[in-house]
C-alpha atoms as a PDB file:
ATOM      1  CA  UNK A   1      19.983  -2.616 -12.974  1.00  0.00           C
ATOM      2  CA  UNK A   2      19.603  -5.737 -10.863  1.00  0.00           C
ATOM      3  CA  UNK A   3      16.730  -6.196  -8.443  1.00  0.00           C
ATOM      4  CA  UNK A   4      16.976  -7.769  -5.003  1.00  0.00           C
ATOM      5  CA  UNK A   5      14.900 -10.707  -6.249  1.00  0.00           C
ATOM      6  CA  UNK A   6      17.429 -11.355  -9.012  1.00  0.00           C
ATOM      7  CA  UNK A   7      20.325 -11.178  -6.549  1.00  0.00           C
ATOM      8  CA  UNK A   8      18.528 -13.616  -4.244  1.00  0.00           C
ATOM      9  CA  UNK A   9      17.931 -15.915  -7.211  1.00  0.00           C
ATOM     10  CA  UNK A  10      21.636 -15.758  -8.104  1.00  0.00           C
ATOM     11  CA  UNK A  11      22.565 -16.683  -4.526  1.00  0.00           C
ATOM     12  CA  UNK A  12      20.133 -19.616  -4.511  1.00  0.00           C
ATOM     13  CA  UNK A  13      21.529 -20.830  -7.852  1.00  0.00           C
ATOM     14  CA  UNK A  14      25.087 -20.665  -6.551  1.00  0.00           C
ATOM     15  CA  UNK A  15      26.145 -17.996  -9.057  1.00  0.00           C
ATOM     16  CA  UNK A  16      26.942 -15.596  -6.203  1.00  0.00           C
ATOM     17  CA  UNK A  17      27.738 -16.198  -2.582  1.00  0.00           C
ATOM     18  CA  UNK A  18      25.627 -14.510   0.075  1.00  0.00           C
ATOM     19  CA  UNK A  19      28.690 -12.488   1.095  1.00  0.00           C
ATOM     20  CA  UNK A  20      29.243 -11.300  -2.480  1.00  0.00           C
ATOM     21  CA  UNK A  21      25.607 -10.240  -2.808  1.00  0.00           C
ATOM     22  CA  UNK A  22      25.782  -8.334   0.482  1.00  0.00           C
ATOM     23  CA  UNK A  23      29.020  -6.659  -0.624  1.00  0.00           C
ATOM     24  CA  UNK A  24      27.398  -5.659  -3.912  1.00  0.00           C
ATOM     25  CA  UNK A  25      24.445  -4.079  -2.106  1.00  0.00           C
ATOM     26  CA  UNK A  26      26.789  -2.211   0.230  1.00  0.00           C
ATOM     27  CA  UNK A  27      28.822  -0.959  -2.735  1.00  0.00           C
ATOM     28  CA  UNK A  28      25.695   0.360  -4.473  1.00  0.00           C
ATOM     29  CA  UNK A  29      24.535   2.050  -1.268  1.00  0.00           C
ATOM     30  CA  UNK A  30      27.937   3.679  -0.762  1.00  0.00           C
ATOM     31  CA  UNK A  31      28.037   4.830  -4.380  1.00  0.00           C
ATOM     32  CA  UNK A  32      24.671   6.508  -3.936  1.00  0.00           C
ATOM     33  CA  UNK A  33      26.001   8.179  -0.769  1.00  0.00           C
ATOM     34  CA  UNK A  34      22.976   7.066   1.212  1.00  0.00           C
ATOM     35  CA  UNK A  35      22.201   3.851   3.146  1.00  0.00           C
ATOM     36  CA  UNK A  36      20.111   1.509   1.022  1.00  0.00           C
ATOM     37  CA  UNK A  37      18.069   0.498   4.055  1.00  0.00           C
ATOM     38  CA  UNK A  38      16.840   4.095   4.374  1.00  0.00           C
ATOM     39  CA  UNK A  39      15.910   4.570   0.727  1.00  0.00           C
ATOM     40  CA  UNK A  40      12.701   2.505   0.997  1.00  0.00           C
ATOM     41  CA  UNK A  41      13.494   1.107  -2.424  1.00  0.00           C
ATOM     42  CA  UNK A  42      10.988  -0.994  -4.305  1.00  0.00           C
ATOM     43  CA  UNK A  43      11.167  -2.134  -7.881  1.00  0.00           C
ATOM     44  CA  UNK A  44       8.463  -0.874 -10.237  1.00  0.00           C
ATOM     45  CA  UNK A  45       9.975  -0.630 -13.718  1.00  0.00           C
ATOM     46  CA  UNK A  46      13.364  -1.586 -15.110  1.00  0.00           C
ATOM     47  CA  UNK A  47      12.868  -0.058 -18.548  1.00  0.00           C
ATOM     48  CA  UNK A  48      10.316   1.152 -21.052  1.00  0.00           C
ATOM     49  CA  UNK A  49       9.689  -2.458 -22.023  1.00  0.00           C
ATOM     50  CA  UNK A  50       7.745  -2.812 -18.764  1.00  0.00           C
ATOM     51  CA  UNK A  51       5.396  -0.019 -19.855  1.00  0.00           C
ATOM     52  CA  UNK A  52       5.189  -1.517 -23.348  1.00  0.00           C
ATOM     53  CA  UNK A  53       4.189  -4.901 -21.924  1.00  0.00           C
ATOM     54  CA  UNK A  54       1.634  -3.312 -19.581  1.00  0.00           C
ATOM     55  CA  UNK A  55      -0.025  -1.471 -22.476  1.00  0.00           C
ATOM     56  CA  UNK A  56      -0.155  -4.683 -24.510  1.00  0.00           C
ATOM     57  CA  UNK A  57      -1.551  -6.663 -21.563  1.00  0.00           C
ATOM     58  CA  UNK A  58      -4.233  -4.055 -20.896  1.00  0.00           C
ATOM     59  CA  UNK A  59      -5.287  -4.018 -24.546  1.00  0.00           C
ATOM     60  CA  UNK A  60      -5.529  -7.809 -24.556  1.00  0.00           C
ATOM     61  CA  UNK A  61      -7.394  -7.977 -21.239  1.00  0.00           C
ATOM     62  CA  UNK A  62      -9.876  -5.253 -22.196  1.00  0.00           C
ATOM     63  CA  UNK A  63     -10.573  -6.777 -25.603  1.00  0.00           C
ATOM     64  CA  UNK A  64     -11.019 -10.316 -24.262  1.00  0.00           C
ATOM     65  CA  UNK A  65     -13.268  -9.099 -21.446  1.00  0.00           C
ATOM     66  CA  UNK A  66     -15.298  -7.042 -23.913  1.00  0.00           C
ATOM     67  CA  UNK A  67     -15.744 -10.001 -26.250  1.00  0.00           C
ATOM     68  CA  UNK A  68     -16.720 -12.278 -23.368  1.00  0.00           C
ATOM     69  CA  UNK A  69     -19.146  -9.700 -21.993  1.00  0.00           C
ATOM     70  CA  UNK A  70     -21.020  -9.801 -25.297  1.00  0.00           C
ATOM     71  CA  UNK A  71     -22.082 -13.298 -24.238  1.00  0.00           C
ATOM     72  CA  UNK A  72     -22.561 -12.471 -20.544  1.00  0.00           C
ATOM     73  CA  UNK A  73     -20.872 -10.241 -17.980  1.00  0.00           C
ATOM     74  CA  UNK A  74     -19.864 -13.255 -15.907  1.00  0.00           C
ATOM     75  CA  UNK A  75     -18.252 -14.906 -18.917  1.00  0.00           C
ATOM     76  CA  UNK A  76     -16.317 -11.712 -19.632  1.00  0.00           C
ATOM     77  CA  UNK A  77     -15.008 -11.595 -16.060  1.00  0.00           C
ATOM     78  CA  UNK A  78     -14.056 -15.287 -16.228  1.00  0.00           C
ATOM     79  CA  UNK A  79     -12.078 -14.719 -19.431  1.00  0.00           C
ATOM     80  CA  UNK A  80     -10.316 -11.751 -17.833  1.00  0.00           C
ATOM     81  CA  UNK A  81      -9.340 -13.826 -14.805  1.00  0.00           C
ATOM     82  CA  UNK A  82      -8.048 -16.770 -16.841  1.00  0.00           C
ATOM     83  CA  UNK A  83      -6.129 -14.500 -19.218  1.00  0.00           C
ATOM     84  CA  UNK A  84      -4.505 -12.555 -16.367  1.00  0.00           C
ATOM     85  CA  UNK A  85      -3.315 -15.794 -14.749  1.00  0.00           C
ATOM     86  CA  UNK A  86      -2.033 -17.142 -18.063  1.00  0.00           C
ATOM     87  CA  UNK A  87      -0.065 -13.975 -18.834  1.00  0.00           C
ATOM     88  CA  UNK A  88       1.380 -14.032 -15.319  1.00  0.00           C
ATOM     89  CA  UNK A  89       2.798 -17.495 -15.971  1.00  0.00           C
ATOM     90  CA  UNK A  90       5.218 -15.899 -18.422  1.00  0.00           C
ATOM     91  CA  UNK A  91       5.675 -12.240 -17.458  1.00  0.00           C
ATOM     92  CA  UNK A  92       5.670 -12.866 -13.700  1.00  0.00           C
ATOM     93  CA  UNK A  93       6.931 -16.387 -13.155  1.00  0.00           C
ATOM     94  CA  UNK A  94       9.539 -16.447 -15.935  1.00  0.00           C
ATOM     95  CA  UNK A  95      10.392 -12.837 -16.817  1.00  0.00           C
ATOM     96  CA  UNK A  96       9.891 -11.418 -13.281  1.00  0.00           C
ATOM     97  CA  UNK A  97       8.695  -8.071 -14.654  1.00  0.00           C
ATOM     98  CA  UNK A  98       7.507  -5.914 -11.762  1.00  0.00           C
ATOM     99  CA  UNK A  99       4.962  -3.503 -13.263  1.00  0.00           C
ATOM    100  CA  UNK A 100       3.266  -6.073 -15.528  1.00  0.00           C
ATOM    101  CA  UNK A 101       3.108  -8.442 -12.544  1.00  0.00           C
ATOM    102  CA  UNK A 102       1.274  -5.808 -10.493  1.00  0.00           C
ATOM    103  CA  UNK A 103      -1.194  -5.061 -13.285  1.00  0.00           C
ATOM    104  CA  UNK A 104      -1.878  -8.744 -13.942  1.00  0.00           C
ATOM    105  CA  UNK A 105      -2.357  -9.427 -10.230  1.00  0.00           C
ATOM    106  CA  UNK A 106      -4.902  -6.605  -9.950  1.00  0.00           C
ATOM    107  CA  UNK A 107      -6.667  -7.832 -13.090  1.00  0.00           C
ATOM    108  CA  UNK A 108      -6.866 -11.363 -11.685  1.00  0.00           C
ATOM    109  CA  UNK A 109      -8.129 -10.360  -8.243  1.00  0.00           C
ATOM    110  CA  UNK A 110     -10.484  -7.774  -9.752  1.00  0.00           C
ATOM    111  CA  UNK A 111     -11.844 -10.421 -12.089  1.00  0.00           C
ATOM    112  CA  UNK A 112     -12.587 -12.795  -9.214  1.00  0.00           C
ATOM    113  CA  UNK A 113     -14.273  -9.942  -7.332  1.00  0.00           C
ATOM    114  CA  UNK A 114     -16.435  -9.185 -10.375  1.00  0.00           C
ATOM    115  CA  UNK A 115     -17.336 -12.852 -10.884  1.00  0.00           C
ATOM    116  CA  UNK A 116     -18.482 -13.154  -7.286  1.00  0.00           C
ATOM    117  CA  UNK A 117     -20.528  -9.971  -7.407  1.00  0.00           C
ATOM    118  CA  UNK A 118     -22.207 -10.819 -10.708  1.00  0.00           C
ATOM    119  CA  UNK A 119     -23.101 -14.372  -9.660  1.00  0.00           C
ATOM    120  CA  UNK A 120     -24.424 -13.339  -6.247  1.00  0.00           C
ATOM    121  CA  UNK A 121     -26.678 -10.702  -7.822  1.00  0.00           C
ATOM    122  CA  UNK A 122     -28.993 -13.515  -8.855  1.00  0.00           C
ATOM    123  CA  UNK A 123     -29.520 -14.659  -5.255  1.00  0.00           C
ATOM    124  CA  UNK A 124     -31.194 -11.425  -4.076  1.00  0.00           C
ATOM    125  CA  UNK A 125     -28.704 -10.965  -1.250  1.00  0.00           C
ATOM    126  CA  UNK A 126     -28.170  -7.629   0.439  1.00  0.00           C
ATOM    127  CA  UNK A 127     -25.573  -5.265  -0.989  1.00  0.00           C
ATOM    128  CA  UNK A 128     -23.325  -5.639   2.052  1.00  0.00           C
ATOM    129  CA  UNK A 129     -23.404  -9.434   1.953  1.00  0.00           C
ATOM    130  CA  UNK A 130     -22.784  -9.510  -1.809  1.00  0.00           C
ATOM    131  CA  UNK A 131     -19.733  -7.255  -1.519  1.00  0.00           C
ATOM    132  CA  UNK A 132     -18.540  -9.112   1.571  1.00  0.00           C
ATOM    133  CA  UNK A 133     -18.635 -12.588   0.024  1.00  0.00           C
ATOM    134  CA  UNK A 134     -17.127 -11.330  -3.234  1.00  0.00           C
ATOM    135  CA  UNK A 135     -14.294  -9.632  -1.344  1.00  0.00           C
ATOM    136  CA  UNK A 136     -13.646 -12.795   0.657  1.00  0.00           C
ATOM    137  CA  UNK A 137     -13.438 -14.755  -2.608  1.00  0.00           C
ATOM    138  CA  UNK A 138     -10.988 -12.154  -3.951  1.00  0.00           C
ATOM    139  CA  UNK A 139      -8.857 -12.572  -0.821  1.00  0.00           C
ATOM    140  CA  UNK A 140      -8.720 -16.353  -1.361  1.00  0.00           C
ATOM    141  CA  UNK A 141      -7.802 -15.771  -5.011  1.00  0.00           C
ATOM    142  CA  UNK A 142      -4.989 -13.441  -3.940  1.00  0.00           C
ATOM    143  CA  UNK A 143      -3.694 -16.125  -1.563  1.00  0.00           C
ATOM    144  CA  UNK A 144      -3.626 -18.704  -4.380  1.00  0.00           C
ATOM    145  CA  UNK A 145      -1.870 -16.178  -6.617  1.00  0.00           C
ATOM    146  CA  UNK A 146       0.741 -15.602  -3.896  1.00  0.00           C
ATOM    147  CA  UNK A 147       1.418 -19.320  -3.571  1.00  0.00           C
ATOM    148  CA  UNK A 148       2.124 -19.491  -7.290  1.00  0.00           C
ATOM    149  CA  UNK A 149       3.840 -16.211  -8.186  1.00  0.00           C
ATOM    150  CA  UNK A 150       5.011 -14.507  -4.960  1.00  0.00           C
ATOM    151  CA  UNK A 151       4.343 -10.958  -6.224  1.00  0.00           C
ATOM    152  CA  UNK A 152       4.950  -8.630  -3.223  1.00  0.00           C
ATOM    153  CA  UNK A 153       1.792  -6.552  -3.718  1.00  0.00           C
ATOM    154  CA  UNK A 154      -0.347  -9.709  -3.584  1.00  0.00           C
ATOM    155  CA  UNK A 155      -0.302  -9.860   0.220  1.00  0.00           C
ATOM    156  CA  UNK A 156      -1.523  -6.262   0.440  1.00  0.00           C
ATOM    157  CA  UNK A 157      -4.225  -6.828  -2.182  1.00  0.00           C
ATOM    158  CA  UNK A 158      -5.450  -9.940  -0.400  1.00  0.00           C
ATOM    159  CA  UNK A 159      -5.379  -8.196   2.966  1.00  0.00           C
ATOM    160  CA  UNK A 160      -7.380  -5.251   1.623  1.00  0.00           C
ATOM    161  CA  UNK A 161      -9.965  -7.623   0.149  1.00  0.00           C
ATOM    162  CA  UNK A 162     -10.139  -9.551   3.424  1.00  0.00           C
ATOM    163  CA  UNK A 163     -10.655  -6.367   5.451  1.00  0.00           C
ATOM    164  CA  UNK A 164     -13.444  -5.237   3.134  1.00  0.00           C
ATOM    165  CA  UNK A 165     -15.024  -8.687   3.176  1.00  0.00           C
ATOM    166  CA  UNK A 166     -15.028  -9.040   6.953  1.00  0.00           C
ATOM    167  CA  UNK A 167     -16.440  -5.551   7.504  1.00  0.00           C
ATOM    168  CA  UNK A 168     -19.218  -5.882   4.930  1.00  0.00           C
ATOM    169  CA  UNK A 169     -20.235  -9.364   6.119  1.00  0.00           C
ATOM    170  CA  UNK A 170     -20.316  -8.024   9.670  1.00  0.00           C
ATOM    171  CA  UNK A 171     -22.620  -5.171   8.641  1.00  0.00           C
ATOM    172  CA  UNK A 172     -24.858  -7.640   6.797  1.00  0.00           C
ATOM    173  CA  UNK A 173     -25.157 -10.245   9.557  1.00  0.00           C
ATOM    174  CA  UNK A 174     -25.397  -8.027  12.645  1.00  0.00           C
ATOM    175  CA  UNK A 175     -28.871  -6.422  12.580  1.00  0.00           C
ATOM    176  CA  UNK A 176     -28.145  -3.230  14.506  1.00  0.00           C
ATOM    177  CA  UNK A 177     -29.860  -0.105  13.097  1.00  0.00           C
ATOM    178  CA  UNK A 178     -27.397   2.514  11.890  1.00  0.00           C
ATOM    179  CA  UNK A 179     -24.406   0.293  12.624  1.00  0.00           C
ATOM    180  CA  UNK A 180     -22.575   1.319   9.481  1.00  0.00           C
ATOM    181  CA  UNK A 181     -22.770   5.021  10.369  1.00  0.00           C
ATOM    182  CA  UNK A 182     -21.300   4.761  13.867  1.00  0.00           C
ATOM    183  CA  UNK A 183     -19.093   1.691  13.483  1.00  0.00           C
ATOM    184  CA  UNK A 184     -17.438   2.259  10.096  1.00  0.00           C
ATOM    185  CA  UNK A 185     -14.644   4.584  11.259  1.00  0.00           C
ATOM    186  CA  UNK A 186     -13.718   2.680  14.458  1.00  0.00           C
ATOM    187  CA  UNK A 187     -13.639  -0.615  12.555  1.00  0.00           C
ATOM    188  CA  UNK A 188     -11.582   0.967   9.787  1.00  0.00           C
ATOM    189  CA  UNK A 189      -9.092   2.237  12.371  1.00  0.00           C
ATOM    190  CA  UNK A 190      -8.860  -1.196  14.027  1.00  0.00           C
ATOM    191  CA  UNK A 191      -8.335  -2.788  10.618  1.00  0.00           C
ATOM    192  CA  UNK A 192      -5.621  -0.243   9.863  1.00  0.00           C
ATOM    193  CA  UNK A 193      -3.778  -1.010  13.095  1.00  0.00           C
ATOM    194  CA  UNK A 194      -4.045  -4.742  12.363  1.00  0.00           C
ATOM    195  CA  UNK A 195      -2.625  -4.312   8.858  1.00  0.00           C
ATOM    196  CA  UNK A 196       0.100  -2.065  10.279  1.00  0.00           C
ATOM    197  CA  UNK A 197       1.110  -4.762  12.762  1.00  0.00           C
ATOM    198  CA  UNK A 198       1.181  -7.314   9.941  1.00  0.00           C
ATOM    199  CA  UNK A 199       3.406  -4.976   7.931  1.00  0.00           C
ATOM    200  CA  UNK A 200       5.734  -4.566  10.910  1.00  0.00           C
ATOM    201  CA  UNK A 201       5.972  -8.353  11.206  1.00  0.00           C
ATOM    202  CA  UNK A 202       7.164  -8.560   7.600  1.00  0.00           C
ATOM    203  CA  UNK A 203       9.511  -5.617   8.178  1.00  0.00           C
ATOM    204  CA  UNK A 204      11.003  -7.178  11.310  1.00  0.00           C
ATOM    205  CA  UNK A 205      11.859 -10.323   9.347  1.00  0.00           C
ATOM    206  CA  UNK A 206      14.124  -8.308   7.039  1.00  0.00           C
ATOM    207  CA  UNK A 207      15.573  -5.334   8.908  1.00  0.00           C
ATOM    208  CA  UNK A 208      18.301  -4.925   6.273  1.00  0.00           C
ATOM    209  CA  UNK A 209      15.651  -4.721   3.525  1.00  0.00           C
ATOM    210  CA  UNK A 210      17.415  -7.026   1.132  1.00  0.00           C
ATOM    211  CA  UNK A 211      14.674  -9.525   0.253  1.00  0.00           C
ATOM    212  CA  UNK A 212      11.141  -9.742  -1.098  1.00  0.00           C
ATOM    213  CA  UNK A 213       9.775  -9.540   2.459  1.00  0.00           C
ATOM    214  CA  UNK A 214      10.637  -5.845   2.604  1.00  0.00           C
ATOM    215  CA  UNK A 215       8.636  -5.219  -0.587  1.00  0.00           C
ATOM    216  CA  UNK A 216       5.660  -7.047   0.928  1.00  0.00           C
ATOM    217  CA  UNK A 217       5.907  -4.807   3.991  1.00  0.00           C
ATOM    218  CA  UNK A 218       6.042  -1.697   1.783  1.00  0.00           C
ATOM    219  CA  UNK A 219       2.727  -2.491   0.113  1.00  0.00           C
ATOM    220  CA  UNK A 220       1.120  -3.440   3.430  1.00  0.00           C
ATOM    221  CA  UNK A 221       2.166  -0.094   4.911  1.00  0.00           C
ATOM    222  CA  UNK A 222       0.649   1.592   1.863  1.00  0.00           C
ATOM    223  CA  UNK A 223      -2.681  -0.127   2.628  1.00  0.00           C
ATOM    224  CA  UNK A 224      -2.511   0.436   6.398  1.00  0.00           C
ATOM    225  CA  UNK A 225      -1.720   4.147   6.208  1.00  0.00           C
ATOM    226  CA  UNK A 226      -5.079   5.455   4.886  1.00  0.00           C
ATOM    227  CA  UNK A 227      -7.001   2.983   7.062  1.00  0.00           C
ATOM    228  CA  UNK A 228      -5.343   4.508  10.131  1.00  0.00           C
ATOM    229  CA  UNK A 229      -5.113   8.128   9.061  1.00  0.00           C
ATOM    230  CA  UNK A 230      -8.606   8.715   7.637  1.00  0.00           C
ATOM    231  CA  UNK A 231     -10.617   7.764  10.764  1.00  0.00           C
ATOM    232  CA  UNK A 232      -8.296   9.792  13.010  1.00  0.00           C
ATOM    233  CA  UNK A 233      -8.538  12.989  10.977  1.00  0.00           C
ATOM    234  CA  UNK A 234     -12.236  12.487  10.241  1.00  0.00           C
ATOM    235  CA  UNK A 235     -12.863  12.500  14.001  1.00  0.00           C
ATOM    236  CA  UNK A 236     -11.625  16.111  14.030  1.00  0.00           C
ATOM    237  CA  UNK A 237     -14.388  17.144  11.567  1.00  0.00           C
ATOM    238  CA  UNK A 238     -11.957  19.086   9.398  1.00  0.00           C
ATOM    239  CA  UNK A 239     -14.094  18.514   6.293  1.00  0.00           C
ATOM    240  CA  UNK A 240     -17.142  20.388   7.589  1.00  0.00           C
ATOM    241  CA  UNK A 241     -15.836  23.639   6.080  1.00  0.00           C
ATOM    242  CA  UNK A 242     -14.990  25.287   9.408  1.00  0.00           C
ATOM    243  CA  UNK A 243     -11.472  24.725  10.740  1.00  0.00           C
ATOM    244  CA  UNK A 244     -10.573  26.491  13.975  1.00  0.00           C
ATOM    245  CA  UNK A 245      -7.211  27.074  15.568  1.00  0.00           C
ATOM    246  CA  UNK A 246      -7.651  24.099  17.886  1.00  0.00           C
ATOM    247  CA  UNK A 247      -8.364  21.809  14.949  1.00  0.00           C
ATOM    248  CA  UNK A 248      -5.344  23.107  13.042  1.00  0.00           C
ATOM    249  CA  UNK A 249      -3.218  22.617  16.152  1.00  0.00           C
ATOM    250  CA  UNK A 250      -4.564  19.092  16.614  1.00  0.00           C
ATOM    251  CA  UNK A 251      -3.830  18.279  12.959  1.00  0.00           C
ATOM    252  CA  UNK A 252      -0.291  19.593  13.395  1.00  0.00           C
ATOM    253  CA  UNK A 253       0.311  17.542  16.534  1.00  0.00           C
ATOM    254  CA  UNK A 254      -1.105  14.417  14.889  1.00  0.00           C
ATOM    255  CA  UNK A 255       1.066  14.902  11.836  1.00  0.00           C
ATOM    256  CA  UNK A 256       4.128  15.314  14.039  1.00  0.00           C
ATOM    257  CA  UNK A 257       3.241  12.065  15.820  1.00  0.00           C
ATOM    258  CA  UNK A 258       2.787  10.357  12.454  1.00  0.00           C
ATOM    259  CA  UNK A 259       6.162  11.729  11.356  1.00  0.00           C
ATOM    260  CA  UNK A 260       7.846  10.272  14.455  1.00  0.00           C
ATOM    261  CA  UNK A 261       6.314   6.856  13.775  1.00  0.00           C
ATOM    262  CA  UNK A 262       7.231   7.070  10.089  1.00  0.00           C
ATOM    263  CA  UNK A 263      10.840   7.990  10.831  1.00  0.00           C
ATOM    264  CA  UNK A 264      11.115   5.264  13.464  1.00  0.00           C
ATOM    265  CA  UNK A 265       9.907   2.490  11.172  1.00  0.00           C
ATOM    266  CA  UNK A 266      11.541   4.091   8.115  1.00  0.00           C
ATOM    267  CA  UNK A 267       8.315   4.147   6.124  1.00  0.00           C
ATOM    268  CA  UNK A 268       6.934   7.291   4.479  1.00  0.00           C
ATOM    269  CA  UNK A 269       3.471   6.008   3.506  1.00  0.00           C
ATOM    270  CA  UNK A 270       1.695   7.316   6.618  1.00  0.00           C
ATOM    271  CA  UNK A 271       3.097  10.819   6.134  1.00  0.00           C
ATOM    272  CA  UNK A 272       1.979  10.846   2.511  1.00  0.00           C
ATOM    273  CA  UNK A 273      -1.517   9.596   3.413  1.00  0.00           C
ATOM    274  CA  UNK A 274      -1.942  12.293   6.061  1.00  0.00           C
ATOM    275  CA  UNK A 275      -0.628  15.070   3.841  1.00  0.00           C
ATOM    276  CA  UNK A 276      -3.963  15.862   2.166  1.00  0.00           C
ATOM    277  CA  UNK A 277      -5.601  16.430   5.556  1.00  0.00           C
ATOM    278  CA  UNK A 278      -2.877  18.839   6.665  1.00  0.00           C
ATOM    279  CA  UNK A 279      -3.021  20.768   3.391  1.00  0.00           C
ATOM    280  CA  UNK A 280      -6.806  21.020   3.538  1.00  0.00           C
ATOM    281  CA  UNK A 281      -6.904  22.054   7.199  1.00  0.00           C
ATOM    282  CA  UNK A 282      -4.417  24.908   6.866  1.00  0.00           C
ATOM    283  CA  UNK A 283      -5.776  26.041   3.497  1.00  0.00           C
ATOM    284  CA  UNK A 284      -9.258  26.296   5.028  1.00  0.00           C
ATOM    285  CA  UNK A 285      -7.882  28.087   8.094  1.00  0.00           C
ATOM    286  CA  UNK A 286      -6.071  30.686   5.960  1.00  0.00           C
ATOM    287  CA  UNK A 287      -9.221  31.242   3.902  1.00  0.00           C
ATOM    288  CA  UNK A 288     -11.119  32.051   7.086  1.00  0.00           C
ATOM    289  CA  UNK A 289      -8.482  34.698   7.840  1.00  0.00           C
ATOM    290  CA  UNK A 290      -9.013  36.262   4.410  1.00  0.00           C
ATOM    291  CA  UNK A 291      -6.087  34.688   2.546  1.00  0.00           C
ATOM    292  CA  UNK A 292      -8.208  33.086  -0.144  1.00  0.00           C
ATOM    293  CA  UNK A 293      -6.229  33.127  -3.375  1.00  0.00           C
ATOM    294  CA  UNK A 294      -2.822  32.186  -1.941  1.00  0.00           C
ATOM    295  CA  UNK A 295      -3.844  30.039   1.022  1.00  0.00           C
ATOM    296  CA  UNK A 296      -3.063  26.745  -0.640  1.00  0.00           C
ATOM    297  CA  UNK A 297       0.166  28.102  -2.139  1.00  0.00           C
ATOM    298  CA  UNK A 298       1.479  29.274   1.251  1.00  0.00           C
ATOM    299  CA  UNK A 299       0.471  25.984   2.881  1.00  0.00           C
ATOM    300  CA  UNK A 300       2.029  23.854   0.154  1.00  0.00           C
ATOM    301  CA  UNK A 301       5.217  25.955   0.212  1.00  0.00           C
ATOM    302  CA  UNK A 302       5.653  25.576   3.973  1.00  0.00           C
ATOM    303  CA  UNK A 303       4.891  21.870   4.114  1.00  0.00           C
ATOM    304  CA  UNK A 304       6.833  21.078   0.940  1.00  0.00           C
ATOM    305  CA  UNK A 305       9.913  22.868   2.249  1.00  0.00           C
ATOM    306  CA  UNK A 306       9.694  21.003   5.542  1.00  0.00           C
ATOM    307  CA  UNK A 307       9.332  17.633   3.838  1.00  0.00           C
ATOM    308  CA  UNK A 308      12.290  18.330   1.558  1.00  0.00           C
ATOM    309  CA  UNK A 309      14.444  19.161   4.572  1.00  0.00           C
ATOM    310  CA  UNK A 310      13.250  15.990   6.274  1.00  0.00           C
ATOM    311  CA  UNK A 311      14.135  13.924   3.202  1.00  0.00           C
ATOM    312  CA  UNK A 312      17.671  15.333   3.244  1.00  0.00           C
ATOM    313  CA  UNK A 313      18.191  14.658   6.963  1.00  0.00           C
ATOM    314  CA  UNK A 314      16.037  11.519   7.181  1.00  0.00           C
ATOM    315  CA  UNK A 315      18.883   9.209   8.165  1.00  0.00           C
ATOM    316  CA  UNK A 316      20.231  11.648  10.775  1.00  0.00           C
ATOM    317  CA  UNK A 317      16.770  12.062  12.282  1.00  0.00           C
ATOM    318  CA  UNK A 318      16.299   8.278  12.442  1.00  0.00           C
ATOM    319  CA  UNK A 319      19.633   7.801  14.145  1.00  0.00           C
ATOM    320  CA  UNK A 320      18.909  10.511  16.707  1.00  0.00           C
ATOM    321  CA  UNK A 321      15.417   9.165  17.414  1.00  0.00           C
ATOM    322  CA  UNK A 322      15.918   5.395  17.430  1.00  0.00           C
ATOM    323  CA  UNK A 323      18.880   5.488  19.820  1.00  0.00           C
ATOM    324  CA  UNK A 324      16.494   6.397  22.651  1.00  0.00           C
ATOM    325  CA  UNK A 325      14.377   3.273  22.133  1.00  0.00           C
ATOM    326  CA  UNK A 326      14.932   0.117  24.201  1.00  0.00           C
ATOM    327  CA  UNK A 327      17.116  -2.529  22.607  1.00  0.00           C
ATOM    328  CA  UNK A 328      14.283  -5.008  21.997  1.00  0.00           C
ATOM    329  CA  UNK A 329      12.415  -2.344  19.991  1.00  0.00           C
ATOM    330  CA  UNK A 330      15.503  -1.376  18.000  1.00  0.00           C
ATOM    331  CA  UNK A 331      15.924  -5.022  16.985  1.00  0.00           C
ATOM    332  CA  UNK A 332      12.501  -4.953  15.317  1.00  0.00           C
ATOM    333  CA  UNK A 333      13.199  -1.761  13.351  1.00  0.00           C
ATOM    334  CA  UNK A 334      15.167  -1.351  10.107  1.00  0.00           C
ATOM    335  CA  UNK A 335      18.886  -1.283  10.777  1.00  0.00           C
ATOM    336  CA  UNK A 336      20.780   1.971  11.171  1.00  0.00           C
ATOM    337  CA  UNK A 337      23.860   2.353   8.993  1.00  0.00           C
END
């Protein structure tokens, strides 16, 4: 199986023409009887060797970190960071292995985050400021990693670290009593919308979803979805143990709106992120009506059946929905085929 990155590399090397690569993608899409642009494909593993390499990398990283931590925790984190970068030079830069690249990226960024936190502990800073500065350092590390290796998830990891860093530094430097309690959810929602817009920018640059930019957008959508969904559903107080009909109706309407957005942009992450809230709301509602033992089963059956139907008719629904949008909006959305 050939990845889009490998096809792009073949085009750049002159092995294939751009037309031949496009024809190959179209042939694969036709063979699968579904448009490739609507499959939301991203490469994770190409064989069991990826899993084998990940296990070996984790064993090496854990052992080296453990040995270094016997000297000091900071030294252990430094060894982890250096080792993760060194392994990425081969498995990411040369072998282009997707799953090991993701694991090594997370190990590198996590190591930088740990180094920052452990060093700043000695300066008697507040918890918020310590986490904020460490997260900002992790975001810079992710940016450097992106410049070197171009792993698609790196942009999302760096963005998540940047969001956490900005929010925690803001809480630390703005001395307003109780600010975290009343400002956390609104700021999280604003951050989610910002990440969503960034993801749409990456998506709009590759509406045919044939390059690495589409993979970057996928991971950004995966980060943006919970940042948007959690504050919205938390505002409905569905986790207080008492879910009324109006709350269940509001959850349903919100999920329908999320579904429309998801279908329009051809991304399923928001629907998946919101699913737990819908399941919980209707399970709690059925329990209040006396359906205790089978409440979750009935809810899961209904929602699961609906999602399966949507997956079958996803392309038809997109085509029917997107055709009503103005032309300038359609140009920014994934192509219809």
